Amino acid sequence: MTTTAAHTSPQIQDGRFRNPARMHRTGLRKTLGIMWKMLTDKPADSVPAVPIPVQALSRAQLEAAPADTVFRLGHSTVLLKLGERFWLTDPVFAERASPFRWLGPKRFHQPPLALEELPPLAGVILSHDHYDHLDRAAVLALAARAEHFVAPLGVGDLLVKWGVPAAKVHQLDWWRGVTLGDVELTCTPAQHFSGRGLSDGNSTLWCSWVIRRGERKVFFSGDSGYFRGFKAIGDKYGPFDLTMVETGAYDPQWPDIHMQPEETMQAHIDLRGAVLMPIHNGTFDLAFHPWHEPFDRIAALAEQRGQQLATPVIGAPLSLAAPQAGQQWWRK
């Protein structure tokens, strides 16, 4: 396992990872209130009234796809075919984004292909340890079929604890990179938090990723509030052919850790992205806004700001060489 020693990370303060910017303090009472409202008082339109469209995929279709093709599988799970090899971000195939099988946000749709149908992977790219981004069952199913697992500090230790071979795991601090074959991966900052239980808050790092193969460059945001780090990443690594930036699960009650669509658009511009593909939406009910609102707002903003937006149907291919906007499928 390759790693940057966690105890030497400048992101640690008093034994926990932290964001450079001062964060709003939610407090236990407010947090419990939000959780209670999530369980008892969700608006009906936070979940689709009818099934959303999904384009089914097969392993044969993936293997026959041209190089430099992207397939969004749902939420923040994206399959990238870079050259002839496959890379997968934040794989979540579980029915619920939760530690429980019977409680928690349930999928709006099934993945466009089953986990066992995935082709062999060059690597799995992880942004942080939250349940809607890190699915233990999926990771263990992929442990023998992926050559590498690339994660921020602490998340790699968790993978090894679960049973992923240590030799496959690379965990990095912000601004550190690793080259695996012909793909260069750089762990870049994000403004978020971590934790899978009541006592492990911020014990692992969160991040975004710069993914580069030759002249192709893709940015994967993971989860983040808006912060000046996007400009720093864009200045250092931009421009990007495609930015995959979170657009969903936002609310004024948690302004620091997820972005409003206006902030997503500004992050894309800061990053010097050519095309924006909004992610972190359309799969799980994680906030109070209508499920389709992130798409509506980001589409309107793209038109206003003269930015190119890609909103492929779940499972549909998107070419990095000639990305298409895609239909506004969520309005049908």
C-alpha atoms as a PDB file:
ATOM      1  CA  MET A   1       0.000   0.000   0.000  1.00  0.00           C
ATOM      2  CA  THR A   2       1.362   3.406  -0.964  1.00  0.00           C
ATOM      3  CA  THR A   3       0.441   6.207   1.386  1.00  0.00           C
ATOM      4  CA  THR A   4       1.302   9.604   2.744  1.00  0.00           C
ATOM      5  CA  ALA A   5       1.702   9.319   6.510  1.00  0.00           C
ATOM      6  CA  ALA A   6      -1.592  10.558   7.945  1.00  0.00           C
ATOM      7  CA  HIS A   7      -0.038  12.005  11.084  1.00  0.00           C
ATOM      8  CA  THR A   8       2.110  14.357   9.003  1.00  0.00           C
ATOM      9  CA  SER A   9      -0.786  15.697   6.925  1.00  0.00           C
ATOM     10  CA  PRO A  10      -1.362  19.452   7.165  1.00  0.00           C
ATOM     11  CA  GLN A  11      -5.083  18.652   6.920  1.00  0.00           C
ATOM     12  CA  ILE A  12      -5.078  17.220  10.480  1.00  0.00           C
ATOM     13  CA  GLN A  13      -5.792  19.288  13.556  1.00  0.00           C
ATOM     14  CA  ASP A  14      -6.263  17.796  17.024  1.00  0.00           C
ATOM     15  CA  GLY A  15      -6.310  14.301  15.577  1.00  0.00           C
ATOM     16  CA  ARG A  16      -9.054  14.941  12.986  1.00  0.00           C
ATOM     17  CA  PHE A  17      -9.068  16.072   9.387  1.00  0.00           C
ATOM     18  CA  ARG A  18     -10.514  19.517   8.814  1.00  0.00           C
ATOM     19  CA  ASN A  19     -11.275  22.066   6.111  1.00  0.00           C
ATOM     20  CA  PRO A  20      -9.071  25.163   5.843  1.00  0.00           C
ATOM     21  CA  ALA A  21     -12.110  27.474   5.899  1.00  0.00           C
ATOM     22  CA  ARG A  22     -14.183  28.028   9.036  1.00  0.00           C
ATOM     23  CA  MET A  23     -17.369  25.943   8.825  1.00  0.00           C
ATOM     24  CA  HIS A  24     -20.869  26.616  10.131  1.00  0.00           C
ATOM     25  CA  ARG A  25     -21.551  24.617  13.280  1.00  0.00           C
ATOM     26  CA  THR A  26     -24.775  22.666  12.965  1.00  0.00           C
ATOM     27  CA  GLY A  27     -24.895  21.354  16.524  1.00  0.00           C
ATOM     28  CA  LEU A  28     -26.464  18.152  17.797  1.00  0.00           C
ATOM     29  CA  ARG A  29     -29.954  19.592  18.276  1.00  0.00           C
ATOM     30  CA  LYS A  30     -30.169  20.974  14.745  1.00  0.00           C
ATOM     31  CA  THR A  31     -28.676  17.796  13.272  1.00  0.00           C
ATOM     32  CA  LEU A  32     -31.251  15.638  15.032  1.00  0.00           C
ATOM     33  CA  GLY A  33     -33.984  17.982  13.845  1.00  0.00           C
ATOM     34  CA  ILE A  34     -32.858  17.643  10.243  1.00  0.00           C
ATOM     35  CA  MET A  35     -32.700  13.860  10.553  1.00  0.00           C
ATOM     36  CA  TRP A  36     -36.204  13.752  12.047  1.00  0.00           C
ATOM     37  CA  LYS A  37     -37.587  15.896   9.233  1.00  0.00           C
ATOM     38  CA  MET A  38     -35.857  13.644   6.707  1.00  0.00           C
ATOM     39  CA  LEU A  39     -37.656  10.638   8.161  1.00  0.00           C
ATOM     40  CA  THR A  40     -41.090  12.163   8.754  1.00  0.00           C
ATOM     41  CA  ASP A  41     -41.670  15.249   6.607  1.00  0.00           C
ATOM     42  CA  LYS A  42     -40.158  14.834   3.134  1.00  0.00           C
ATOM     43  CA  PRO A  43     -41.961  16.575   0.238  1.00  0.00           C
ATOM     44  CA  ALA A  44     -43.597  14.112  -2.151  1.00  0.00           C
ATOM     45  CA  ASP A  45     -41.719  15.501  -5.150  1.00  0.00           C
ATOM     46  CA  SER A  46     -38.308  14.695  -3.670  1.00  0.00           C
ATOM     47  CA  VAL A  47     -38.812  11.251  -5.282  1.00  0.00           C
ATOM     48  CA  PRO A  48     -39.872  10.695  -8.937  1.00  0.00           C
ATOM     49  CA  ALA A  49     -43.541   9.857  -9.400  1.00  0.00           C
ATOM     50  CA  VAL A  50     -42.703   7.516 -12.302  1.00  0.00           C
ATOM     51  CA  PRO A  51     -39.553   5.510 -13.092  1.00  0.00           C
ATOM     52  CA  ILE A  52     -36.764   7.597 -14.604  1.00  0.00           C
ATOM     53  CA  PRO A  53     -35.225   6.458 -17.915  1.00  0.00           C
ATOM     54  CA  VAL A  54     -32.189   4.185 -17.726  1.00  0.00           C
ATOM     55  CA  GLN A  55     -30.283   2.885 -20.753  1.00  0.00           C
ATOM     56  CA  ALA A  56     -29.290  -0.708 -20.059  1.00  0.00           C
ATOM     57  CA  LEU A  57     -25.657  -1.636 -20.603  1.00  0.00           C
ATOM     58  CA  SER A  58     -23.830  -4.896 -21.169  1.00  0.00           C
ATOM     59  CA  ARG A  59     -20.202  -5.808 -20.792  1.00  0.00           C
ATOM     60  CA  ALA A  60     -19.995  -6.393 -24.542  1.00  0.00           C
ATOM     61  CA  GLN A  61     -21.251  -2.846 -25.211  1.00  0.00           C
ATOM     62  CA  LEU A  62     -18.675  -1.393 -22.832  1.00  0.00           C
ATOM     63  CA  GLU A  63     -15.816  -3.324 -24.364  1.00  0.00           C
ATOM     64  CA  ALA A  64     -16.901  -2.270 -27.861  1.00  0.00           C
ATOM     65  CA  ALA A  65     -17.239   1.415 -26.915  1.00  0.00           C
ATOM     66  CA  PRO A  66     -14.668   3.854 -28.311  1.00  0.00           C
ATOM     67  CA  ALA A  67     -11.775   4.999 -26.164  1.00  0.00           C
ATOM     68  CA  ASP A  68     -12.401   8.058 -23.986  1.00  0.00           C
ATOM     69  CA  THR A  69     -16.076   7.353 -23.348  1.00  0.00           C
ATOM     70  CA  VAL A  70     -17.859   8.089 -20.067  1.00  0.00           C
ATOM     71  CA  PHE A  71     -20.902   6.247 -18.694  1.00  0.00           C
ATOM     72  CA  ARG A  72     -22.798   7.666 -15.736  1.00  0.00           C
ATOM     73  CA  LEU A  73     -24.172   4.713 -13.754  1.00  0.00           C
ATOM     74  CA  GLY A  74     -26.040   6.796 -11.160  1.00  0.00           C
ATOM     75  CA  HIS A  75     -25.434   9.326  -8.367  1.00  0.00           C
ATOM     76  CA  SER A  76     -21.620   9.790  -8.312  1.00  0.00           C
ATOM     77  CA  THR A  77     -20.768   6.406  -9.845  1.00  0.00           C
ATOM     78  CA  VAL A  78     -19.177   6.997 -13.244  1.00  0.00           C
ATOM     79  CA  LEU A  79     -17.377   4.492 -15.481  1.00  0.00           C
ATOM     80  CA  LEU A  80     -14.599   6.028 -17.577  1.00  0.00           C
ATOM     81  CA  LYS A  81     -13.072   4.187 -20.514  1.00  0.00           C
ATOM     82  CA  LEU A  82      -9.707   5.896 -20.885  1.00  0.00           C
ATOM     83  CA  GLY A  83      -7.892   4.364 -23.806  1.00  0.00           C
ATOM     84  CA  GLU A  84      -8.930   0.728 -23.603  1.00  0.00           C
ATOM     85  CA  ARG A  85      -9.006   0.518 -19.790  1.00  0.00           C
ATOM     86  CA  PHE A  86     -11.818   1.182 -17.339  1.00  0.00           C
ATOM     87  CA  TRP A  87     -11.867   3.327 -14.198  1.00  0.00           C
ATOM     88  CA  LEU A  88     -14.812   3.590 -11.800  1.00  0.00           C
ATOM     89  CA  THR A  89     -15.589   6.455  -9.411  1.00  0.00           C
ATOM     90  CA  ASP A  90     -17.354   6.054  -6.047  1.00  0.00           C
ATOM     91  CA  PRO A  91     -19.052   2.709  -6.814  1.00  0.00           C
ATOM     92  CA  VAL A  92     -22.450   2.389  -5.110  1.00  0.00           C
ATOM     93  CA  PHE A  93     -24.681  -0.452  -6.260  1.00  0.00           C
ATOM     94  CA  ALA A  94     -26.578  -0.951  -2.981  1.00  0.00           C
ATOM     95  CA  GLU A  95     -30.345  -0.517  -2.792  1.00  0.00           C
ATOM     96  CA  ARG A  96     -29.963   2.079  -0.029  1.00  0.00           C
ATOM     97  CA  ALA A  97     -27.295   4.669   0.763  1.00  0.00           C
ATOM     98  CA  SER A  98     -27.298   3.638   4.387  1.00  0.00           C
ATOM     99  CA  PRO A  99     -25.690   1.308   6.930  1.00  0.00           C
ATOM    100  CA  PHE A 100     -29.084  -0.457   7.092  1.00  0.00           C
ATOM    101  CA  ARG A 101     -30.825  -2.580   4.465  1.00  0.00           C
ATOM    102  CA  TRP A 102     -34.272  -1.586   5.740  1.00  0.00           C
ATOM    103  CA  LEU A 103     -33.835   2.147   6.387  1.00  0.00           C
ATOM    104  CA  GLY A 104     -32.335   5.102   4.575  1.00  0.00           C
ATOM    105  CA  PRO A 105     -32.395   6.680   1.109  1.00  0.00           C
ATOM    106  CA  LYS A 106     -33.576   4.160  -1.482  1.00  0.00           C
ATOM    107  CA  ARG A 107     -32.558   4.135  -5.142  1.00  0.00           C
ATOM    108  CA  PHE A 108     -34.841   5.727  -7.731  1.00  0.00           C
ATOM    109  CA  HIS A 109     -33.537   3.306 -10.353  1.00  0.00           C
ATOM    110  CA  GLN A 110     -31.458   0.174 -10.706  1.00  0.00           C
ATOM    111  CA  PRO A 111     -27.918   0.512 -12.100  1.00  0.00           C
ATOM    112  CA  PRO A 112     -27.803   0.191 -15.897  1.00  0.00           C
ATOM    113  CA  LEU A 113     -25.798  -2.998 -15.486  1.00  0.00           C
ATOM    114  CA  ALA A 114     -25.184  -5.418 -12.654  1.00  0.00           C
ATOM    115  CA  LEU A 115     -21.985  -5.215 -10.640  1.00  0.00           C
ATOM    116  CA  GLU A 116     -20.835  -8.596 -11.920  1.00  0.00           C
ATOM    117  CA  GLU A 117     -21.260  -7.375 -15.523  1.00  0.00           C
ATOM    118  CA  LEU A 118     -18.568  -4.728 -15.142  1.00  0.00           C
ATOM    119  CA  PRO A 119     -15.416  -5.384 -17.159  1.00  0.00           C
ATOM    120  CA  PRO A 120     -12.072  -5.753 -15.359  1.00  0.00           C
ATOM    121  CA  LEU A 121     -11.090  -2.378 -13.932  1.00  0.00           C
ATOM    122  CA  ALA A 122      -7.749  -0.629 -14.023  1.00  0.00           C
ATOM    123  CA  GLY A 123      -8.834   1.141 -10.875  1.00  0.00           C
ATOM    124  CA  VAL A 124     -11.498   2.360  -8.479  1.00  0.00           C
ATOM    125  CA  ILE A 125     -11.330   6.057  -7.554  1.00  0.00           C
ATOM    126  CA  LEU A 126     -12.839   7.024  -4.180  1.00  0.00           C
ATOM    127  CA  SER A 127     -13.599  10.534  -2.887  1.00  0.00           C
ATOM    128  CA  HIS A 128     -14.640   9.873   0.744  1.00  0.00           C
ATOM    129  CA  ASP A 129     -16.282   7.369   3.051  1.00  0.00           C
ATOM    130  CA  HIS A 130     -19.977   8.371   3.122  1.00  0.00           C
ATOM    131  CA  TYR A 131     -22.470   5.632   2.335  1.00  0.00           C
ATOM    132  CA  ASP A 132     -23.669   7.217  -0.905  1.00  0.00           C
ATOM    133  CA  HIS A 133     -20.061   7.145  -2.176  1.00  0.00           C
ATOM    134  CA  LEU A 134     -18.481   4.095  -0.534  1.00  0.00           C
ATOM    135  CA  ASP A 135     -20.480   0.857  -0.753  1.00  0.00           C
ATOM    136  CA  ARG A 136     -18.666  -1.859   1.187  1.00  0.00           C
ATOM    137  CA  ALA A 137     -20.341  -4.736  -0.665  1.00  0.00           C
ATOM    138  CA  ALA A 138     -19.419  -3.229  -4.034  1.00  0.00           C
ATOM    139  CA  VAL A 139     -15.815  -2.621  -2.964  1.00  0.00           C
ATOM    140  CA  LEU A 140     -15.429  -6.209  -1.766  1.00  0.00           C
ATOM    141  CA  ALA A 141     -16.996  -7.545  -4.974  1.00  0.00           C
ATOM    142  CA  LEU A 142     -14.498  -5.495  -6.987  1.00  0.00           C
ATOM    143  CA  ALA A 143     -11.473  -6.314  -4.822  1.00  0.00           C
ATOM    144  CA  ALA A 144     -10.384  -9.190  -7.041  1.00  0.00           C
ATOM    145  CA  ARG A 145     -11.349  -7.502 -10.334  1.00  0.00           C
ATOM    146  CA  ALA A 146      -9.773  -4.064  -9.960  1.00  0.00           C
ATOM    147  CA  GLU A 147      -6.012  -3.602 -10.195  1.00  0.00           C
ATOM    148  CA  HIS A 148      -5.909  -0.482  -8.025  1.00  0.00           C
ATOM    149  CA  PHE A 149      -7.950   1.403  -5.443  1.00  0.00           C
ATOM    150  CA  VAL A 150      -7.088   5.089  -5.139  1.00  0.00           C
ATOM    151  CA  ALA A 151      -8.416   6.965  -2.116  1.00  0.00           C
ATOM    152  CA  PRO A 152      -7.761   9.891   0.223  1.00  0.00           C
ATOM    153  CA  LEU A 153      -5.912   9.352   3.499  1.00  0.00           C
ATOM    154  CA  GLY A 154      -7.595   6.984   5.926  1.00  0.00           C
ATOM    155  CA  VAL A 155     -10.063   5.605   3.393  1.00  0.00           C
ATOM    156  CA  GLY A 156      -7.328   3.309   2.104  1.00  0.00           C
ATOM    157  CA  ASP A 157      -6.822   1.954   5.620  1.00  0.00           C
ATOM    158  CA  LEU A 158     -10.547   1.214   5.761  1.00  0.00           C
ATOM    159  CA  LEU A 159     -10.385  -0.717   2.486  1.00  0.00           C
ATOM    160  CA  VAL A 160      -7.504  -2.850   3.754  1.00  0.00           C
ATOM    161  CA  LYS A 161      -9.415  -3.480   6.989  1.00  0.00           C
ATOM    162  CA  TRP A 162     -12.349  -4.728   4.923  1.00  0.00           C
ATOM    163  CA  GLY A 163     -10.131  -7.130   2.981  1.00  0.00           C
ATOM    164  CA  VAL A 164      -8.864  -5.323  -0.109  1.00  0.00           C
ATOM    165  CA  PRO A 165      -5.246  -6.452  -0.705  1.00  0.00           C
ATOM    166  CA  ALA A 166      -2.931  -3.746   0.641  1.00  0.00           C
ATOM    167  CA  ALA A 167      -0.747  -3.917  -2.466  1.00  0.00           C
ATOM    168  CA  LYS A 168      -3.659  -2.602  -4.529  1.00  0.00           C
ATOM    169  CA  VAL A 169      -4.385   0.414  -2.338  1.00  0.00           C
ATOM    170  CA  HIS A 170      -2.962   3.907  -2.885  1.00  0.00           C
ATOM    171  CA  GLN A 171      -4.049   6.581  -0.413  1.00  0.00           C
ATOM    172  CA  LEU A 172      -3.027  10.172  -0.868  1.00  0.00           C
ATOM    173  CA  ASP A 173      -3.110  13.580   0.746  1.00  0.00           C
ATOM    174  CA  TRP A 174      -4.275  16.689  -1.100  1.00  0.00           C
ATOM    175  CA  TRP A 175      -2.016  17.784  -3.969  1.00  0.00           C
ATOM    176  CA  ARG A 176      -0.306  14.385  -4.141  1.00  0.00           C
ATOM    177  CA  GLY A 177      -0.510  12.170  -7.199  1.00  0.00           C
ATOM    178  CA  VAL A 178       0.135   8.682  -8.482  1.00  0.00           C
ATOM    179  CA  THR A 179       0.680   7.400 -12.020  1.00  0.00           C
ATOM    180  CA  LEU A 180      -0.840   4.002 -12.775  1.00  0.00           C
ATOM    181  CA  GLY A 181      -0.068   2.802 -16.273  1.00  0.00           C
ATOM    182  CA  ASP A 182      -0.867   5.683 -18.615  1.00  0.00           C
ATOM    183  CA  VAL A 183      -3.256   7.457 -16.221  1.00  0.00           C
ATOM    184  CA  GLU A 184      -2.166  10.134 -13.753  1.00  0.00           C
ATOM    185  CA  LEU A 185      -4.406  10.688 -10.720  1.00  0.00           C
ATOM    186  CA  THR A 186      -4.032  13.690  -8.430  1.00  0.00           C
ATOM    187  CA  CYS A 187      -5.826  13.986  -5.108  1.00  0.00           C
ATOM    188  CA  THR A 188      -7.102  17.555  -4.857  1.00  0.00           C
ATOM    189  CA  PRO A 189      -8.935  19.465  -2.117  1.00  0.00           C
ATOM    190  CA  ALA A 190     -12.658  19.484  -1.434  1.00  0.00           C
ATOM    191  CA  GLN A 191     -14.700  21.127   1.318  1.00  0.00           C
ATOM    192  CA  HIS A 192     -16.690  18.426   3.061  1.00  0.00           C
ATOM    193  CA  PHE A 193     -16.507  15.999   6.009  1.00  0.00           C
ATOM    194  CA  SER A 194     -16.351  12.256   6.642  1.00  0.00           C
ATOM    195  CA  GLY A 195     -17.648   9.501   8.889  1.00  0.00           C
ATOM    196  CA  ARG A 196     -19.653   6.275   8.732  1.00  0.00           C
ATOM    197  CA  GLY A 197     -20.740   6.082  12.373  1.00  0.00           C
ATOM    198  CA  LEU A 198     -21.266   8.094  15.542  1.00  0.00           C
ATOM    199  CA  SER A 199     -17.643   8.188  16.675  1.00  0.00           C
ATOM    200  CA  ASP A 200     -15.493   8.350  13.524  1.00  0.00           C
ATOM    201  CA  GLY A 201     -16.303  11.845  12.293  1.00  0.00           C
ATOM    202  CA  ASN A 202     -13.500  13.338  10.167  1.00  0.00           C
ATOM    203  CA  SER A 203     -11.162  10.451  10.924  1.00  0.00           C
ATOM    204  CA  THR A 204     -10.587  10.030   7.174  1.00  0.00           C
ATOM    205  CA  LEU A 205      -9.930  12.628   4.489  1.00  0.00           C
ATOM    206  CA  TRP A 206     -12.260  13.720   1.667  1.00  0.00           C
ATOM    207  CA  CYS A 207     -11.096  14.915  -1.749  1.00  0.00           C
ATOM    208  CA  SER A 208     -11.692  15.591  -5.407  1.00  0.00           C
ATOM    209  CA  TRP A 209      -9.652  14.080  -8.246  1.00  0.00           C
ATOM    210  CA  VAL A 210      -7.840  15.220 -11.349  1.00  0.00           C
ATOM    211  CA  ILE A 211      -7.779  12.330 -13.846  1.00  0.00           C
ATOM    212  CA  ARG A 212      -5.418  12.652 -16.801  1.00  0.00           C
ATOM    213  CA  ARG A 213      -4.464  10.406 -19.703  1.00  0.00           C
ATOM    214  CA  GLY A 214      -2.366  12.028 -22.388  1.00  0.00           C
ATOM    215  CA  GLU A 215      -4.108  15.220 -23.462  1.00  0.00           C
ATOM    216  CA  ARG A 216      -7.452  14.205 -21.905  1.00  0.00           C
ATOM    217  CA  LYS A 217      -8.255  15.679 -18.506  1.00  0.00           C
ATOM    218  CA  VAL A 218     -11.321  15.020 -16.342  1.00  0.00           C
ATOM    219  CA  PHE A 219     -12.219  16.500 -12.958  1.00  0.00           C
ATOM    220  CA  PHE A 220     -14.279  14.518 -10.417  1.00  0.00           C
ATOM    221  CA  SER A 221     -15.540  16.629  -7.526  1.00  0.00           C
ATOM    222  CA  GLY A 222     -16.677  14.023  -5.031  1.00  0.00           C
ATOM    223  CA  ASP A 223     -18.735  16.056  -2.534  1.00  0.00           C
ATOM    224  CA  SER A 224     -17.895  19.659  -1.764  1.00  0.00           C
ATOM    225  CA  GLY A 225     -19.206  23.015  -0.775  1.00  0.00           C
ATOM    226  CA  TYR A 226     -18.057  25.925  -2.896  1.00  0.00           C
ATOM    227  CA  PHE A 227     -14.596  27.188  -1.922  1.00  0.00           C
ATOM    228  CA  ARG A 228     -11.603  28.908  -3.451  1.00  0.00           C
ATOM    229  CA  GLY A 229      -9.894  25.554  -3.976  1.00  0.00           C
ATOM    230  CA  PHE A 230     -11.716  25.135  -7.305  1.00  0.00           C
ATOM    231  CA  LYS A 231      -9.893  28.169  -8.683  1.00  0.00           C
ATOM    232  CA  ALA A 232      -6.565  26.829  -7.393  1.00  0.00           C
ATOM    233  CA  ILE A 233      -7.206  23.449  -9.047  1.00  0.00           C
ATOM    234  CA  GLY A 234      -8.234  25.085 -12.309  1.00  0.00           C
ATOM    235  CA  ASP A 235      -5.155  27.306 -12.319  1.00  0.00           C
ATOM    236  CA  LYS A 236      -2.817  24.380 -11.663  1.00  0.00           C
ATOM    237  CA  TYR A 237      -4.373  21.565 -13.706  1.00  0.00           C
ATOM    238  CA  GLY A 238      -6.977  23.084 -16.033  1.00  0.00           C
ATOM    239  CA  PRO A 239      -8.417  23.335 -18.546  1.00  0.00           C
ATOM    240  CA  PHE A 240     -10.535  20.162 -18.335  1.00  0.00           C
ATOM    241  CA  ASP A 241     -12.342  18.353 -21.143  1.00  0.00           C
ATOM    242  CA  LEU A 242     -15.067  17.381 -18.659  1.00  0.00           C
ATOM    243  CA  THR A 243     -15.901  18.408 -15.106  1.00  0.00           C
ATOM    244  CA  MET A 244     -18.102  16.002 -13.154  1.00  0.00           C
ATOM    245  CA  VAL A 245     -19.325  18.246 -10.347  1.00  0.00           C
ATOM    246  CA  GLU A 246     -21.889  17.585  -7.627  1.00  0.00           C
ATOM    247  CA  THR A 247     -25.264  19.236  -8.234  1.00  0.00           C
ATOM    248  CA  GLY A 248     -27.798  17.917  -5.763  1.00  0.00           C
ATOM    249  CA  ALA A 249     -28.596  17.218  -2.091  1.00  0.00           C
ATOM    250  CA  TYR A 250     -28.157  20.911  -1.299  1.00  0.00           C
ATOM    251  CA  ASP A 251     -30.010  22.964   1.303  1.00  0.00           C
ATOM    252  CA  PRO A 252     -29.509  26.313   3.095  1.00  0.00           C
ATOM    253  CA  GLN A 253     -29.239  24.345   6.351  1.00  0.00           C
ATOM    254  CA  TRP A 254     -25.929  22.806   5.231  1.00  0.00           C
ATOM    255  CA  PRO A 255     -24.330  25.500   3.038  1.00  0.00           C
ATOM    256  CA  ASP A 256     -20.681  24.466   3.515  1.00  0.00           C
ATOM    257  CA  ILE A 257     -20.741  20.846   2.382  1.00  0.00           C
ATOM    258  CA  HIS A 258     -22.871  20.789  -0.798  1.00  0.00           C
ATOM    259  CA  MET A 259     -23.243  23.399  -3.515  1.00  0.00           C
ATOM    260  CA  GLN A 260     -26.291  25.206  -4.787  1.00  0.00           C
ATOM    261  CA  PRO A 261     -26.461  24.919  -8.615  1.00  0.00           C
ATOM    262  CA  GLU A 262     -25.198  28.488  -8.970  1.00  0.00           C
ATOM    263  CA  GLU A 263     -22.101  27.479  -7.017  1.00  0.00           C
ATOM    264  CA  THR A 264     -21.678  24.335  -9.112  1.00  0.00           C
ATOM    265  CA  MET A 265     -21.641  26.464 -12.240  1.00  0.00           C
ATOM    266  CA  GLN A 266     -19.079  28.837 -10.724  1.00  0.00           C
ATOM    267  CA  ALA A 267     -16.915  25.871  -9.672  1.00  0.00           C
ATOM    268  CA  HIS A 268     -17.002  24.585 -13.271  1.00  0.00           C
ATOM    269  CA  ILE A 269     -15.955  28.007 -14.555  1.00  0.00           C
ATOM    270  CA  ASP A 270     -13.203  28.252 -11.902  1.00  0.00           C
ATOM    271  CA  LEU A 271     -11.930  24.856 -13.012  1.00  0.00           C
ATOM    272  CA  ARG A 272     -11.768  26.023 -16.638  1.00  0.00           C
ATOM    273  CA  GLY A 273     -13.968  23.176 -17.769  1.00  0.00           C
ATOM    274  CA  ALA A 274     -15.127  22.778 -21.369  1.00  0.00           C
ATOM    275  CA  VAL A 275     -18.181  20.633 -20.528  1.00  0.00           C
ATOM    276  CA  LEU A 276     -20.011  20.178 -17.217  1.00  0.00           C
ATOM    277  CA  MET A 277     -21.713  16.897 -16.349  1.00  0.00           C
ATOM    278  CA  PRO A 278     -23.726  17.355 -13.129  1.00  0.00           C
ATOM    279  CA  ILE A 279     -23.554  14.375 -10.754  1.00  0.00           C
ATOM    280  CA  HIS A 280     -24.779  13.537  -7.215  1.00  0.00           C
ATOM    281  CA  ASN A 281     -28.399  13.618  -8.354  1.00  0.00           C
ATOM    282  CA  GLY A 282     -31.120  11.469  -9.889  1.00  0.00           C
ATOM    283  CA  THR A 283     -30.493   8.351  -7.799  1.00  0.00           C
ATOM    284  CA  PHE A 284     -31.005   8.953  -4.063  1.00  0.00           C
ATOM    285  CA  ASP A 285     -33.316  11.257  -2.084  1.00  0.00           C
ATOM    286  CA  LEU A 286     -30.853  13.115   0.157  1.00  0.00           C
ATOM    287  CA  ALA A 287     -32.434  16.558   0.623  1.00  0.00           C
ATOM    288  CA  PHE A 288     -35.754  18.429   0.589  1.00  0.00           C
ATOM    289  CA  HIS A 289     -35.710  19.885  -2.924  1.00  0.00           C
ATOM    290  CA  PRO A 290     -37.677  18.318  -5.805  1.00  0.00           C
ATOM    291  CA  TRP A 291     -35.645  15.489  -7.315  1.00  0.00           C
ATOM    292  CA  HIS A 292     -35.509  17.184 -10.735  1.00  0.00           C
ATOM    293  CA  GLU A 293     -34.668  20.677  -9.465  1.00  0.00           C
ATOM    294  CA  PRO A 294     -30.849  20.313  -9.736  1.00  0.00           C
ATOM    295  CA  PHE A 295     -31.214  19.528 -13.458  1.00  0.00           C
ATOM    296  CA  ASP A 296     -33.683  22.360 -14.050  1.00  0.00           C
ATOM    297  CA  ARG A 297     -31.513  24.950 -12.351  1.00  0.00           C
ATOM    298  CA  ILE A 298     -28.160  23.901 -13.795  1.00  0.00           C
ATOM    299  CA  ALA A 299     -29.628  23.704 -17.318  1.00  0.00           C
ATOM    300  CA  ALA A 300     -30.997  27.239 -16.996  1.00  0.00           C
ATOM    301  CA  LEU A 301     -27.666  28.477 -15.648  1.00  0.00           C
ATOM    302  CA  ALA A 302     -25.704  26.848 -18.466  1.00  0.00           C
ATOM    303  CA  GLU A 303     -27.884  28.670 -21.003  1.00  0.00           C
ATOM    304  CA  GLN A 304     -27.532  31.979 -19.154  1.00  0.00           C
ATOM    305  CA  ARG A 305     -23.768  31.697 -18.754  1.00  0.00           C
ATOM    306  CA  GLY A 306     -23.037  30.265 -22.202  1.00  0.00           C
ATOM    307  CA  GLN A 307     -21.590  27.040 -20.770  1.00  0.00           C
ATOM    308  CA  GLN A 308     -21.787  23.583 -22.360  1.00  0.00           C
ATOM    309  CA  LEU A 309     -23.759  21.078 -20.286  1.00  0.00           C
ATOM    310  CA  ALA A 310     -23.928  17.291 -20.716  1.00  0.00           C
ATOM    311  CA  THR A 311     -26.874  15.471 -19.128  1.00  0.00           C
ATOM    312  CA  PRO A 312     -26.821  11.944 -20.547  1.00  0.00           C
ATOM    313  CA  VAL A 313     -29.518   9.466 -19.592  1.00  0.00           C
ATOM    314  CA  ILE A 314     -28.219   7.086 -16.910  1.00  0.00           C
ATOM    315  CA  GLY A 315     -26.212   4.455 -18.783  1.00  0.00           C
ATOM    316  CA  ALA A 316     -25.869   6.416 -22.042  1.00  0.00           C
ATOM    317  CA  PRO A 317     -22.354   6.963 -23.454  1.00  0.00           C
ATOM    318  CA  LEU A 318     -20.711  10.395 -23.453  1.00  0.00           C
ATOM    319  CA  SER A 319     -17.680  10.968 -25.664  1.00  0.00           C
ATOM    320  CA  LEU A 320     -14.847  13.053 -24.239  1.00  0.00           C
ATOM    321  CA  ALA A 321     -13.790  13.895 -27.803  1.00  0.00           C
ATOM    322  CA  ALA A 322     -17.224  15.168 -28.904  1.00  0.00           C
ATOM    323  CA  PRO A 323     -19.586  15.423 -25.889  1.00  0.00           C
ATOM    324  CA  GLN A 324     -23.257  15.919 -26.666  1.00  0.00           C
ATOM    325  CA  ALA A 325     -25.604  17.943 -24.465  1.00  0.00           C
ATOM    326  CA  GLY A 326     -28.182  15.159 -24.270  1.00  0.00           C
ATOM    327  CA  GLN A 327     -31.935  15.490 -23.973  1.00  0.00           C
ATOM    328  CA  GLN A 328     -33.652  16.957 -20.926  1.00  0.00           C
ATOM    329  CA  TRP A 329     -34.908  13.508 -19.990  1.00  0.00           C
ATOM    330  CA  TRP A 330     -35.967  14.530 -16.462  1.00  0.00           C
ATOM    331  CA  ARG A 331     -38.785  16.723 -17.857  1.00  0.00           C
ATOM    332  CA  LYS A 332     -40.530  13.864 -19.669  1.00  0.00           C
END
